[in-house]
Protein backbone atom coordinates (compact mmCIF):
# COMPACT_ATOMS: atom_id res chain seq x y z
CA MET A 1 94.90 75.42 110.22
CA ASN A 2 91.90 76.78 112.14
CA ASP A 3 90.43 76.43 115.62
CA ARG A 4 87.00 75.36 114.37
CA SER A 5 86.46 71.61 114.34
CA GLN A 6 83.32 71.77 112.22
CA TYR A 7 83.82 73.18 108.76
CA PRO A 8 80.92 74.01 106.42
CA ARG A 9 80.39 71.49 103.69
CA VAL A 10 81.81 72.64 100.36
CA MET A 11 79.08 72.90 97.73
CA GLN A 12 79.38 70.64 94.72
CA ARG A 13 80.48 72.31 91.52
CA ASP A 14 77.42 71.41 89.45
CA ALA A 15 75.18 72.99 92.10
CA LEU A 16 77.03 76.28 92.33
CA VAL A 17 76.29 79.23 90.07
CA ALA A 18 79.66 80.68 89.00
CA ILE A 19 80.19 83.99 90.72
CA VAL A 20 83.07 86.27 91.37
CA LEU A 21 83.56 86.61 95.13
CA ALA A 22 84.42 90.19 96.00
CA LEU A 23 87.71 90.62 97.76
CA MET A 24 88.25 94.12 99.10
CA VAL A 25 91.28 95.20 101.02
CA SER A 26 91.07 98.60 102.70
CA SER A 27 93.81 101.15 102.19
CA CYS A 28 95.66 102.18 105.32
CA ALA A 29 98.64 104.19 106.40
CA SER A 30 100.95 101.26 105.72
CA GLY A 31 100.61 101.87 101.99
CA LYS A 32 98.37 98.93 101.13
CA VAL A 33 96.29 99.42 98.03
CA VAL A 34 92.74 98.30 97.39
CA VAL A 35 92.74 95.12 95.35
CA GLY A 36 90.01 92.85 94.13
CA PRO A 37 89.39 89.83 91.94
CA GLU A 38 89.56 90.41 88.22
CA ARG A 39 88.03 88.11 85.64
CA LEU A 40 90.15 87.06 82.72
CA PRO A 41 89.41 89.27 79.69
CA PRO A 42 87.21 87.70 77.05
CA PRO A 43 88.92 86.68 73.83
CA THR A 44 88.94 89.22 71.01
CA SER A 45 86.48 88.28 68.30
CA SER A 46 88.20 88.18 64.94
CA THR A 47 88.58 86.00 61.88
CA SER A 48 92.04 87.25 60.88
CA LEU A 49 95.37 85.57 61.54
CA PRO A 50 97.27 84.60 63.62
CA VAL A 51 95.57 81.69 65.33
CA VAL A 52 95.84 81.78 69.13
CA ASP A 53 94.80 79.48 71.95
CA THR A 54 92.45 81.15 74.42
CA LEU A 55 91.93 79.93 77.96
CA THR A 56 88.24 79.11 78.36
CA ASP A 57 88.22 77.03 81.53
CA LEU A 58 90.27 75.26 84.17
CA THR A 59 89.66 71.74 85.36
CA LEU A 60 91.15 69.25 87.81
CA GLU A 61 93.04 66.16 86.65
CA THR A 62 93.38 63.49 89.33
CA VAL A 63 96.99 62.65 90.19
CA ALA A 64 96.35 60.47 93.24
CA GLU A 65 93.40 59.39 95.36
CA GLY A 66 92.83 57.18 98.36
CA LEU A 67 95.36 59.13 100.41
CA GLU A 68 95.11 59.60 104.18
CA HIS A 69 94.75 63.36 104.73
CA PRO A 70 97.32 64.69 102.21
CA VAL A 71 98.81 67.91 103.65
CA SER A 72 102.06 68.68 101.82
CA ILE A 73 103.47 68.29 98.32
CA ALA A 74 107.16 68.41 97.41
CA PRO A 75 108.71 67.98 93.95
CA ALA A 76 111.78 65.77 93.63
CA PRO A 77 114.16 67.28 91.05
CA GLY A 78 116.28 64.68 89.31
CA VAL A 79 114.04 61.79 90.35
CA GLY A 80 110.91 62.53 88.34
CA ASP A 81 108.57 61.97 91.26
CA THR A 82 106.39 64.21 93.37
CA PHE A 83 106.35 63.49 97.09
CA ILE A 84 102.96 63.66 98.83
CA VAL A 85 102.78 63.82 102.62
CA GLU A 86 99.97 62.08 104.49
CA ARG A 87 99.21 63.65 107.86
CA THR A 88 99.21 60.21 109.50
CA GLY A 89 102.94 59.73 108.89
CA ARG A 90 103.86 58.68 105.35
CA VAL A 91 105.47 60.24 102.29
CA VAL A 92 104.24 58.57 99.10
CA THR A 93 104.66 58.87 95.36
CA ALA A 94 101.88 58.26 92.86
CA SER A 95 102.03 56.54 89.49
CA SER A 96 99.83 54.41 87.25
CA ALA A 97 100.83 51.50 89.47
CA GLY A 98 99.32 53.23 92.51
CA LEU A 99 100.76 54.77 95.67
CA ARG A 100 104.21 53.82 96.91
CA ALA A 101 105.45 54.74 100.39
CA VAL A 102 108.99 56.20 100.34
CA LEU A 103 109.02 57.19 104.03
CA ASP A 104 106.92 55.80 106.87
CA ILE A 105 107.25 57.34 110.34
CA THR A 106 103.67 56.61 111.38
CA ALA A 107 104.85 55.10 114.66
CA LYS A 108 106.54 58.39 115.59
CA VAL A 109 103.77 60.80 114.57
CA GLY A 110 101.14 61.89 117.06
CA TRP A 111 97.92 63.71 116.28
CA GLN A 112 94.52 64.22 117.81
CA ILE A 113 93.21 67.04 115.63
CA SER A 114 93.72 68.19 112.05
CA GLU A 115 96.40 70.74 112.98
CA GLN A 116 98.74 68.03 114.24
CA GLY A 117 100.54 65.14 112.54
CA PHE A 118 103.02 65.07 109.67
CA LEU A 119 102.86 68.70 108.54
CA GLY A 120 105.52 69.44 105.92
CA PHE A 121 108.37 68.02 103.86
CA ALA A 122 111.16 69.41 101.65
CA VAL A 123 114.11 67.87 99.83
CA HIS A 124 117.52 69.49 99.44
CA PRO A 125 117.79 71.82 96.38
CA GLU A 126 120.51 69.53 94.96
CA PHE A 127 118.55 66.33 95.55
CA PRO A 128 119.33 63.51 94.78
CA ASP A 129 123.04 64.43 94.59
CA ASP A 130 122.53 65.65 98.11
CA PRO A 131 120.21 62.88 99.37
CA ARG A 132 118.75 64.68 102.38
CA ALA A 133 115.19 65.74 103.13
CA TRP A 134 113.58 67.45 106.11
CA ALA A 135 110.25 66.72 107.76
CA VAL A 136 108.11 68.74 110.19
CA TYR A 137 105.80 66.66 112.35
CA THR A 138 104.12 66.41 115.74
CA ASN A 139 105.69 63.68 117.84
CA LEU A 140 104.01 61.38 120.34
CA ASP A 141 104.49 64.01 123.06
CA GLU A 142 102.57 66.44 120.78
CA ASP A 143 105.58 68.71 120.33
CA VAL A 144 106.73 69.81 116.87
CA VAL A 145 110.03 68.42 115.64
CA VAL A 146 112.11 69.00 112.52
CA SER A 147 114.10 65.98 111.40
CA GLU A 148 116.50 65.13 108.58
CA PHE A 149 116.21 61.89 106.60
CA THR A 150 118.48 60.34 103.95
CA TRP A 151 117.47 58.95 100.54
CA ASN A 152 119.02 55.55 99.73
CA GLY A 153 118.23 55.65 96.01
CA ASP A 154 114.83 54.06 96.35
CA ARG A 155 113.27 55.53 99.49
CA PHE A 156 114.05 57.55 102.61
CA ASP A 157 115.52 55.48 105.42
CA ALA A 158 113.35 56.01 108.50
CA SER A 159 116.24 54.82 110.70
CA SER A 160 118.41 57.66 109.37
CA GLU A 161 116.37 60.27 111.25
CA HIS A 162 118.48 63.08 112.66
CA ARG A 163 116.43 65.49 114.77
CA ILE A 164 117.62 69.08 114.34
CA LEU A 165 114.92 71.13 116.11
CA GLU A 166 112.21 70.63 118.70
CA VAL A 167 109.50 73.22 119.43
CA PRO A 168 107.52 72.48 122.61
CA GLN A 169 103.78 72.98 122.21
CA PRO A 170 101.66 74.25 125.12
CA HIS A 171 98.43 73.45 123.26
CA TYR A 172 97.31 71.23 120.38
CA TYR A 173 96.31 74.03 117.98
CA HIS A 174 98.49 76.30 115.83
CA GLN A 175 101.45 74.09 115.04
CA GLY A 176 102.38 75.77 111.74
CA GLY A 177 104.28 73.36 109.52
CA GLY A 178 105.59 75.37 106.57
CA ILE A 179 108.96 74.24 105.19
CA THR A 180 110.79 75.26 102.01
CA PHE A 181 114.19 76.16 100.62
CA GLY A 182 114.92 79.66 99.37
CA PRO A 183 117.09 80.77 96.44
CA ARG A 184 120.12 81.25 98.72
CA GLY A 185 119.92 77.64 99.87
CA TYR A 186 118.61 78.38 103.37
CA LEU A 187 115.86 76.28 104.93
CA TRP A 188 112.75 78.26 105.96
CA LEU A 189 110.23 77.00 108.53
CA SER A 190 107.04 78.44 109.99
CA PHE A 191 105.63 77.70 113.45
CA GLY A 192 102.29 78.65 114.99
CA ASP A 193 101.90 80.43 118.32
CA GLY A 194 101.22 77.17 120.18
CA GLY A 195 97.45 77.48 120.35
CA GLY A 196 94.74 78.72 122.60
CA ILE A 197 92.33 81.59 121.96
CA GLY A 198 94.07 84.93 121.67
CA ASP A 199 97.59 83.59 122.29
CA PRO A 200 97.22 82.93 126.05
CA TYR A 201 100.84 81.74 126.27
CA HIS A 202 102.17 85.10 124.98
CA ASN A 203 104.33 83.52 122.28
CA GLY A 204 103.43 85.77 119.36
CA GLN A 205 105.33 88.76 120.69
CA ASP A 206 108.24 86.77 122.12
CA PRO A 207 111.06 86.16 119.60
CA SER A 208 112.98 84.24 122.26
CA THR A 209 110.67 81.29 121.48
CA LEU A 210 110.20 79.63 118.10
CA ASN A 211 106.41 79.58 118.51
CA GLY A 212 104.73 82.19 116.32
CA THR A 213 107.78 82.71 114.09
CA VAL A 214 109.29 82.15 110.69
CA VAL A 215 112.73 80.57 111.03
CA ARG A 216 115.70 80.61 108.64
CA ILE A 217 118.67 78.25 109.04
CA ASP A 218 121.61 76.94 106.98
CA VAL A 219 121.56 73.13 106.90
CA ASP A 220 124.69 73.02 104.72
CA ALA A 221 126.90 74.42 107.47
CA GLY A 222 127.32 73.61 111.15
CA GLU A 223 125.89 70.74 113.18
CA PRO A 224 122.97 70.31 113.02
CA TYR A 225 122.76 73.68 111.22
CA ALA A 226 124.30 77.16 111.15
CA ILE A 227 122.69 80.56 111.60
CA PRO A 228 122.77 82.78 108.48
CA PRO A 229 124.99 85.77 109.30
CA ASP A 230 122.27 88.31 108.42
CA ASN A 231 119.55 86.77 110.60
CA PRO A 232 118.13 89.62 112.72
CA PHE A 233 118.90 88.01 116.10
CA VAL A 234 122.11 86.29 115.04
CA ASP A 235 123.79 87.11 118.34
CA GLY A 236 120.86 85.73 120.34
CA GLY A 237 120.53 88.92 122.34
CA GLN A 238 116.92 89.95 121.69
CA GLY A 239 115.58 86.72 120.20
CA ARG A 240 116.43 83.20 119.13
CA PRO A 241 119.13 83.37 116.46
CA GLU A 242 117.05 81.09 114.19
CA VAL A 243 114.15 83.57 114.14
CA TRP A 244 113.78 85.60 110.96
CA ALA A 245 110.36 87.20 111.74
CA PHE A 246 107.74 86.91 114.49
CA GLY A 247 104.25 88.02 115.48
CA PHE A 248 102.34 85.23 113.70
CA ARG A 249 99.28 83.25 114.77
CA ASN A 250 99.45 80.17 112.54
CA PRO A 251 101.54 80.56 109.37
CA TRP A 252 100.57 77.28 107.72
CA ARG A 253 102.70 77.91 104.64
CA VAL A 254 105.72 80.04 103.74
CA THR A 255 106.90 80.62 100.16
CA VAL A 256 110.31 81.98 99.14
CA VAL A 257 110.96 82.91 95.51
CA ASP A 258 113.19 85.48 93.77
CA ASP A 259 114.39 86.56 97.22
CA VAL A 260 110.96 87.61 98.44
CA VAL A 261 109.04 85.83 101.18
CA LEU A 262 105.27 85.30 101.23
CA ILE A 263 103.66 84.15 104.47
CA ALA A 264 100.03 83.05 104.70
CA ASP A 265 98.91 83.55 108.31
CA VAL A 266 95.57 82.14 109.48
CA GLY A 267 93.50 84.57 111.56
CA GLN A 268 91.21 83.99 114.52
CA GLU A 269 87.91 85.81 114.06
CA GLY A 270 87.86 88.66 111.55
CA ALA A 271 90.59 88.32 108.94
CA GLU A 272 93.43 86.37 107.39
CA GLU A 273 96.59 87.96 106.03
CA ILE A 274 99.31 87.56 103.41
CA ASP A 275 102.67 89.11 104.26
CA LEU A 276 105.31 89.86 101.63
CA VAL A 277 108.81 91.16 102.39
CA GLU A 278 112.30 90.83 100.98
CA ALA A 279 114.18 87.74 102.14
CA THR A 280 117.12 89.91 103.18
CA ASP A 281 114.88 92.12 105.34
CA GLY A 282 114.42 90.12 108.53
CA GLY A 283 113.32 91.15 112.00
CA HIS A 284 109.74 92.16 111.19
CA ASN A 285 107.08 91.93 113.89
CA PHE A 286 103.77 91.17 112.16
CA GLY A 287 101.73 92.08 115.19
CA TRP A 288 99.84 89.06 116.53
CA PRO A 289 98.13 89.22 119.04
CA ILE A 290 98.30 93.02 119.28
CA MET A 291 96.83 93.04 115.79
CA GLU A 292 94.74 90.61 113.81
CA ALA A 293 95.61 91.51 110.20
CA ASP A 294 95.24 95.33 110.10
CA ASP A 295 92.88 95.75 113.08
CA CYS A 296 93.60 95.95 116.78
CA PHE A 297 92.74 92.57 118.28
CA GLU A 298 89.80 92.73 120.72
CA ALA A 299 90.51 96.38 121.51
CA PRO A 300 89.31 99.69 120.03
CA THR A 301 92.87 101.06 119.91
CA CYS A 302 96.37 99.65 120.30
CA ASP A 303 99.99 100.70 120.00
CA THR A 304 101.17 99.71 116.51
CA ALA A 305 104.64 101.23 116.79
CA GLY A 306 107.23 98.85 115.38
CA LEU A 307 104.67 96.51 113.83
CA THR A 308 104.63 95.54 110.14
CA ALA A 309 101.21 95.74 108.53
CA PRO A 310 100.02 92.88 106.30
CA THR A 311 100.40 93.25 102.55
CA MET A 312 96.94 91.83 101.92
CA VAL A 313 93.96 91.31 104.22
CA LEU A 314 91.21 88.78 103.49
CA SER A 315 87.89 88.89 105.31
CA ARG A 316 86.77 85.72 107.06
CA ASP A 317 83.24 86.39 105.86
CA ASP A 318 84.21 84.39 102.79
CA MET A 319 86.61 81.83 104.27
CA CYS A 320 87.80 79.99 107.36
CA ALA A 321 91.51 79.23 106.85
CA LEU A 322 93.95 80.69 104.33
CA ILE A 323 96.01 78.12 102.41
CA GLY A 324 99.12 79.68 100.88
CA GLY A 325 100.58 78.13 97.76
CA PRO A 326 103.49 78.52 95.34
CA VAL A 327 104.35 81.22 92.86
CA TYR A 328 103.31 79.56 89.60
CA ARG A 329 106.19 79.12 87.14
CA GLY A 330 104.75 76.38 84.94
CA THR A 331 104.04 76.61 81.22
CA ALA A 332 100.53 75.14 80.92
CA ILE A 333 98.73 78.25 82.23
CA PRO A 334 100.68 81.34 81.10
CA GLU A 335 97.77 83.51 82.30
CA MET A 336 98.80 82.54 85.85
CA ARG A 337 102.54 82.86 85.32
CA ASP A 338 104.52 84.56 88.15
CA GLN A 339 101.43 84.85 90.35
CA TYR A 340 101.14 83.72 93.97
CA VAL A 341 98.43 81.09 94.38
CA PHE A 342 96.24 80.83 97.48
CA GLY A 343 92.90 79.37 98.53
CA ASP A 344 90.49 78.67 101.38
CA HIS A 345 90.12 75.43 103.30
CA CYS A 346 86.34 75.66 103.78
CA ARG A 347 84.82 77.33 100.72
CA GLY A 348 87.34 75.70 98.41
CA TRP A 349 87.98 78.71 96.16
CA MET A 350 91.35 79.39 94.50
CA ARG A 351 92.80 82.78 93.60
CA SER A 352 96.14 84.17 92.50
CA VAL A 353 97.75 87.57 92.81
CA LYS A 354 100.40 89.40 90.85
CA ILE A 355 103.67 90.14 92.66
CA GLU A 356 104.87 93.67 91.99
CA GLY A 357 108.21 94.05 93.73
CA THR A 358 107.40 93.89 97.43
CA ASN A 359 103.71 94.64 96.83
CA LEU A 360 100.76 92.59 95.66
CA GLY A 361 98.71 93.77 92.70
CA ALA A 362 95.60 92.56 90.92
CA VAL A 363 93.88 89.41 92.16
CA THR A 364 92.38 86.83 89.80
CA ASP A 365 89.47 84.76 91.10
CA TRP A 366 89.64 81.35 89.43
CA GLU A 367 86.43 80.00 90.98
CA PRO A 368 84.22 81.05 88.01
CA MET A 369 86.33 78.68 85.90
CA LEU A 370 87.38 76.03 88.39
CA GLY A 371 84.47 75.97 90.81
CA PRO A 372 84.90 75.09 94.49
CA ILE A 373 87.71 72.55 94.76
CA GLY A 374 86.89 71.03 98.13
CA ASN A 375 88.47 71.29 101.57
CA ILE A 376 91.90 72.45 100.37
CA THR A 377 94.79 71.43 102.62
CA THR A 378 97.78 72.44 100.53
CA PHE A 379 99.02 73.50 97.12
CA GLY A 380 102.23 72.34 95.46
CA ILE A 381 104.00 71.85 92.17
CA ASP A 382 104.96 68.71 90.31
CA GLU A 383 108.31 67.90 88.70
CA ASP A 384 107.32 70.03 85.66
CA GLY A 385 106.38 73.04 87.76
CA GLU A 386 102.64 72.60 87.21
CA LEU A 387 100.12 73.42 89.92
CA LEU A 388 98.83 70.71 92.26
CA VAL A 389 96.19 70.92 94.98
CA ALA A 390 95.30 68.47 97.75
CA THR A 391 91.98 68.11 99.53
CA LEU A 392 90.94 66.60 102.84
CA ASP A 393 89.10 63.74 101.14
CA GLY A 394 92.39 62.18 100.05
CA VAL A 395 92.74 63.49 96.49
CA VAL A 396 95.65 65.31 94.84
CA SER A 397 94.80 66.98 91.53
CA ARG A 398 96.64 68.90 88.84
CA VAL A 399 95.11 72.18 87.66
CA VAL A 400 94.96 72.02 83.87
CA PRO A 401 93.66 74.46 81.26
CA ILE A 402 90.94 74.01 78.65
CA ARG A 403 91.47 76.10 75.54
CA SER A 404 89.77 77.04 72.33
CA THR A 405 91.50 77.91 69.07
CA GLU A 406 90.55 81.32 67.76
CA HIS A 407 91.89 83.94 65.38
CA SER A 408 93.51 87.14 66.62
CA SER A 409 93.27 90.38 64.68
CA GLY A 410 96.64 91.48 65.92
CA GLU A 411 95.19 94.92 66.75
CA SER A 412 96.17 96.69 69.93
């Protein structure tokens, strides 16, 4: 997720005074607006009916612990389980009986640093009727592969592996690893630029390679997949036909919901960025390494013609690696409903932002309630759509609300 091998220790919750961390995004010619964290409004004081439940706090409820570097979470519709990926090579489920491995490819997974290993996992939208799942991992040659596995009713058969993509890696940083299905049934993948400081291999601006791109393919057609007919380089003339967008440094996670795409791209020195565009609007060049977020990279000026500016910029003064999450659609925390969740790997804070069409609106900082979570590696949702978060110390937790019962005056 980040080049730095030494991350600052996350402060313990009971030693941290709750503060709201300022998040300022400068306006620019691209039309970005200034946004910042907003605290939840205090409950209205009243003794009249009706009685309402007011959110007073958030807390973490342990779902699983003792995991080896959990890095990806995938719900399993129709099965009632949540799949948790361990970077070392397993997919497990958690219950009161403990952890149960449902896929073990440890012997095939290679990793030397935290940006390598088993990186992502997604099951087919019609799972288990369609028993397939797809994994993104670094193989023993330290290249990134995407493979298909088949569910046998009890677990995924490791011997059923069908490799559908291989992305050679010139370096051991910036592997990416995002994988998800969109509403149209296409499989989306994100790959980093291949590593090195400042993209020395010139992958970010080269859509003829899969490094530094977001990819969209149709795994329900063709062998091993088909190219969606509206992919921007479908004819392969100016870029790989799989490529949907390019110009990324290390898009660790990609989220597709309601036909919009959110991409969390980890920066190098000054800033991180969140990109939001319509899923039908491919071909964007998000600028790396000409730009880092909305600034020219290591140059006072640069040619920005044809580049797409980020929707939101986050300063690295307050973070080290952006962790993109889901759009929350659960029922337990209606105050977070329809908001995109994101966090930081080092400081451990969590925030969410309202989606307003193809723009991002007000940001809510949940740290005053939740405190620093830890070294966040990924977010996810469980089978009920509730928010999960994994940390480097081997714990997966559910974010749950604490409420008080109060009376509402009903006044506007």
